[in-house]
């Protein structure tokens, strides 16, 4: 008599998605699928709209009229980095000018000396 460990049994068969859903109400699964399709359609439309808005905001150059999503996002990223660097330089220049202004005001006060009141 063979030991139970040595007996080969088939593993339980897994049901496919279609088989899992076919046991339920087909009307419910059809409604769920339709709802999902509609939501996905709206998501793609929203994404397209956002990409169109992005195209207006970044300089694309005359190289081509159509842009892939990845290409558009890469150009947007590069443009943002460029703007951040320009902002950093402007902030540094502003700090230098404010420092110079304070020094010049101080120097003017030194040159004018104490003023007598009339």
C-alpha atoms as a PDB file:
ATOM      1  CA  UNK A   1       0.000   0.000   0.000  1.00  0.00           C
ATOM      2  CA  UNK A   2       1.602   3.284  -1.070  1.00  0.00           C
ATOM      3  CA  UNK A   3       2.052   6.000   1.463  1.00  0.00           C
ATOM      4  CA  UNK A   4      -0.230   9.062   1.071  1.00  0.00           C
ATOM      5  CA  UNK A   5       2.830  11.250   0.587  1.00  0.00           C
ATOM      6  CA  UNK A   6       3.904   9.389  -2.508  1.00  0.00           C
ATOM      7  CA  UNK A   7       0.571   9.601  -4.244  1.00  0.00           C
ATOM      8  CA  UNK A   8       0.536  12.184  -6.998  1.00  0.00           C
ATOM      9  CA  UNK A   9      -2.535  14.315  -7.083  1.00  0.00           C
ATOM     10  CA  UNK A  10      -3.323  17.123  -9.431  1.00  0.00           C
ATOM     11  CA  UNK A  11      -3.173  20.603  -7.948  1.00  0.00           C
ATOM     12  CA  UNK A  12      -6.527  22.348  -7.786  1.00  0.00           C
ATOM     13  CA  UNK A  13      -7.344  23.978 -11.092  1.00  0.00           C
ATOM     14  CA  UNK A  14      -7.420  27.771 -11.070  1.00  0.00           C
ATOM     15  CA  UNK A  15     -10.344  29.530 -12.625  1.00  0.00           C
ATOM     16  CA  UNK A  16      -9.747  32.157 -15.254  1.00  0.00           C
ATOM     17  CA  UNK A  17     -11.219  35.617 -14.793  1.00  0.00           C
ATOM     18  CA  UNK A  18     -13.929  34.873 -17.288  1.00  0.00           C
ATOM     19  CA  UNK A  19     -14.861  31.685 -15.442  1.00  0.00           C
ATOM     20  CA  UNK A  20     -14.918  33.458 -12.082  1.00  0.00           C
ATOM     21  CA  UNK A  21     -17.222  36.148 -13.395  1.00  0.00           C
ATOM     22  CA  UNK A  22     -19.429  33.848 -15.409  1.00  0.00           C
ATOM     23  CA  UNK A  23     -20.754  32.209 -12.267  1.00  0.00           C
ATOM     24  CA  UNK A  24     -22.234  35.558 -11.135  1.00  0.00           C
ATOM     25  CA  UNK A  25     -24.892  37.600 -12.773  1.00  0.00           C
ATOM     26  CA  UNK A  26     -23.889  38.445 -16.326  1.00  0.00           C
ATOM     27  CA  UNK A  27     -25.862  41.693 -16.164  1.00  0.00           C
ATOM     28  CA  UNK A  28     -23.826  42.868 -13.189  1.00  0.00           C
ATOM     29  CA  UNK A  29     -20.506  42.047 -14.814  1.00  0.00           C
ATOM     30  CA  UNK A  30     -21.578  43.746 -18.049  1.00  0.00           C
ATOM     31  CA  UNK A  31     -22.625  46.844 -16.110  1.00  0.00           C
ATOM     32  CA  UNK A  32     -19.334  46.827 -14.202  1.00  0.00           C
ATOM     33  CA  UNK A  33     -17.388  46.499 -17.438  1.00  0.00           C
ATOM     34  CA  UNK A  34     -19.353  49.357 -19.036  1.00  0.00           C
ATOM     35  CA  UNK A  35     -18.748  51.549 -16.002  1.00  0.00           C
ATOM     36  CA  UNK A  36     -15.054  50.705 -16.056  1.00  0.00           C
ATOM     37  CA  UNK A  37     -14.833  51.460 -19.791  1.00  0.00           C
ATOM     38  CA  UNK A  38     -16.544  54.821 -19.311  1.00  0.00           C
ATOM     39  CA  UNK A  39     -14.233  55.748 -16.433  1.00  0.00           C
ATOM     40  CA  UNK A  40     -11.188  54.761 -18.470  1.00  0.00           C
ATOM     41  CA  UNK A  41     -12.445  56.794 -21.441  1.00  0.00           C
ATOM     42  CA  UNK A  42     -12.869  59.839 -19.179  1.00  0.00           C
ATOM     43  CA  UNK A  43      -9.409  59.318 -17.672  1.00  0.00           C
ATOM     44  CA  UNK A  44      -7.789  59.245 -21.113  1.00  0.00           C
ATOM     45  CA  UNK A  45      -9.718  62.358 -22.197  1.00  0.00           C
ATOM     46  CA  UNK A  46      -8.578  64.202 -19.060  1.00  0.00           C
ATOM     47  CA  UNK A  47      -4.983  63.132 -19.676  1.00  0.00           C
ATOM     48  CA  UNK A  48      -5.172  64.370 -23.291  1.00  0.00           C
ATOM     49  CA  UNK A  49      -6.547  67.718 -22.095  1.00  0.00           C
ATOM     50  CA  UNK A  50      -3.743  68.076 -19.533  1.00  0.00           C
ATOM     51  CA  UNK A  51      -1.118  67.296 -22.172  1.00  0.00           C
ATOM     52  CA  UNK A  52      -2.620  69.895 -24.519  1.00  0.00           C
ATOM     53  CA  UNK A  53      -2.446  72.485 -21.723  1.00  0.00           C
ATOM     54  CA  UNK A  54       1.159  71.511 -21.067  1.00  0.00           C
ATOM     55  CA  UNK A  55       2.049  71.995 -24.753  1.00  0.00           C
ATOM     56  CA  UNK A  56       0.926  75.624 -24.494  1.00  0.00           C
ATOM     57  CA  UNK A  57       3.072  76.265 -21.419  1.00  0.00           C
ATOM     58  CA  UNK A  58       6.442  74.955 -22.606  1.00  0.00           C
ATOM     59  CA  UNK A  59       8.603  75.957 -25.577  1.00  0.00           C
ATOM     60  CA  UNK A  60       8.572  73.012 -27.971  1.00  0.00           C
ATOM     61  CA  UNK A  61      10.595  74.385 -30.845  1.00  0.00           C
ATOM     62  CA  UNK A  62       9.942  74.002 -34.567  1.00  0.00           C
ATOM     63  CA  UNK A  63      11.404  70.473 -34.821  1.00  0.00           C
ATOM     64  CA  UNK A  64       8.084  68.655 -35.171  1.00  0.00           C
ATOM     65  CA  UNK A  65       4.366  69.175 -34.835  1.00  0.00           C
ATOM     66  CA  UNK A  66       3.502  65.964 -32.979  1.00  0.00           C
ATOM     67  CA  UNK A  67       5.060  65.057 -29.663  1.00  0.00           C
ATOM     68  CA  UNK A  68       4.955  61.811 -27.732  1.00  0.00           C
ATOM     69  CA  UNK A  69       3.798  61.950 -24.139  1.00  0.00           C
ATOM     70  CA  UNK A  70       7.270  60.984 -22.942  1.00  0.00           C
ATOM     71  CA  UNK A  71       8.930  63.598 -25.152  1.00  0.00           C
ATOM     72  CA  UNK A  72       6.531  66.272 -23.966  1.00  0.00           C
ATOM     73  CA  UNK A  73       7.118  65.387 -20.307  1.00  0.00           C
ATOM     74  CA  UNK A  74      10.895  65.389 -20.803  1.00  0.00           C
ATOM     75  CA  UNK A  75      10.755  68.839 -22.421  1.00  0.00           C
ATOM     76  CA  UNK A  76       8.550  70.084 -19.575  1.00  0.00           C
ATOM     77  CA  UNK A  77      11.029  68.731 -17.025  1.00  0.00           C
ATOM     78  CA  UNK A  78      13.957  70.431 -18.796  1.00  0.00           C
ATOM     79  CA  UNK A  79      12.010  73.704 -19.005  1.00  0.00           C
ATOM     80  CA  UNK A  80      11.175  73.565 -15.289  1.00  0.00           C
ATOM     81  CA  UNK A  81      14.843  72.966 -14.430  1.00  0.00           C
ATOM     82  CA  UNK A  82      15.816  75.942 -16.615  1.00  0.00           C
ATOM     83  CA  UNK A  83      13.228  78.169 -14.895  1.00  0.00           C
ATOM     84  CA  UNK A  84      14.401  77.048 -11.450  1.00  0.00           C
ATOM     85  CA  UNK A  85      18.006  77.893 -12.340  1.00  0.00           C
ATOM     86  CA  UNK A  86      16.964  81.319 -13.667  1.00  0.00           C
ATOM     87  CA  UNK A  87      15.000  81.944 -10.461  1.00  0.00           C
ATOM     88  CA  UNK A  88      18.010  80.930  -8.342  1.00  0.00           C
ATOM     89  CA  UNK A  89      20.275  83.325 -10.272  1.00  0.00           C
ATOM     90  CA  UNK A  90      17.736  86.160 -10.011  1.00  0.00           C
ATOM     91  CA  UNK A  91      17.388  85.611  -6.266  1.00  0.00           C
ATOM     92  CA  UNK A  92      21.169  85.720  -5.863  1.00  0.00           C
ATOM     93  CA  UNK A  93      21.366  88.927  -7.919  1.00  0.00           C
ATOM     94  CA  UNK A  94      18.573  90.498  -5.845  1.00  0.00           C
ATOM     95  CA  UNK A  95      20.411  89.680  -2.610  1.00  0.00           C
ATOM     96  CA  UNK A  96      23.596  91.257  -3.988  1.00  0.00           C
ATOM     97  CA  UNK A  97      21.747  94.408  -5.067  1.00  0.00           C
ATOM     98  CA  UNK A  98      20.026  94.723  -1.675  1.00  0.00           C
ATOM     99  CA  UNK A  99      23.403  94.348   0.063  1.00  0.00           C
ATOM    100  CA  UNK A 100      24.903  97.021  -2.211  1.00  0.00           C
ATOM    101  CA  UNK A 101      21.939  99.339  -1.569  1.00  0.00           C
ATOM    102  CA  UNK A 102      22.372  99.003   2.210  1.00  0.00           C
ATOM    103  CA  UNK A 103      26.076  99.763   1.881  1.00  0.00           C
ATOM    104  CA  UNK A 104      25.455 102.822  -0.324  1.00  0.00           C
ATOM    105  CA  UNK A 105      22.834 104.182   2.097  1.00  0.00           C
ATOM    106  CA  UNK A 106      25.263 103.721   4.958  1.00  0.00           C
ATOM    107  CA  UNK A 107      28.033 105.391   2.940  1.00  0.00           C
ATOM    108  CA  UNK A 108      25.753 108.325   2.062  1.00  0.00           C
ATOM    109  CA  UNK A 109      24.952 108.809   5.746  1.00  0.00           C
ATOM    110  CA  UNK A 110      28.678 108.772   6.516  1.00  0.00           C
ATOM    111  CA  UNK A 111      29.438 111.387   3.858  1.00  0.00           C
ATOM    112  CA  UNK A 112      26.592 113.678   4.859  1.00  0.00           C
ATOM    113  CA  UNK A 113      27.700 113.655   8.473  1.00  0.00           C
ATOM    114  CA  UNK A 114      25.495 114.776  11.308  1.00  0.00           C
ATOM    115  CA  UNK A 115      23.029 117.324  10.055  1.00  0.00           C
ATOM    116  CA  UNK A 116      22.110 120.248  12.213  1.00  0.00           C
ATOM    117  CA  UNK A 117      18.481 121.059  12.727  1.00  0.00           C
ATOM    118  CA  UNK A 118      17.431 124.550  11.777  1.00  0.00           C
END
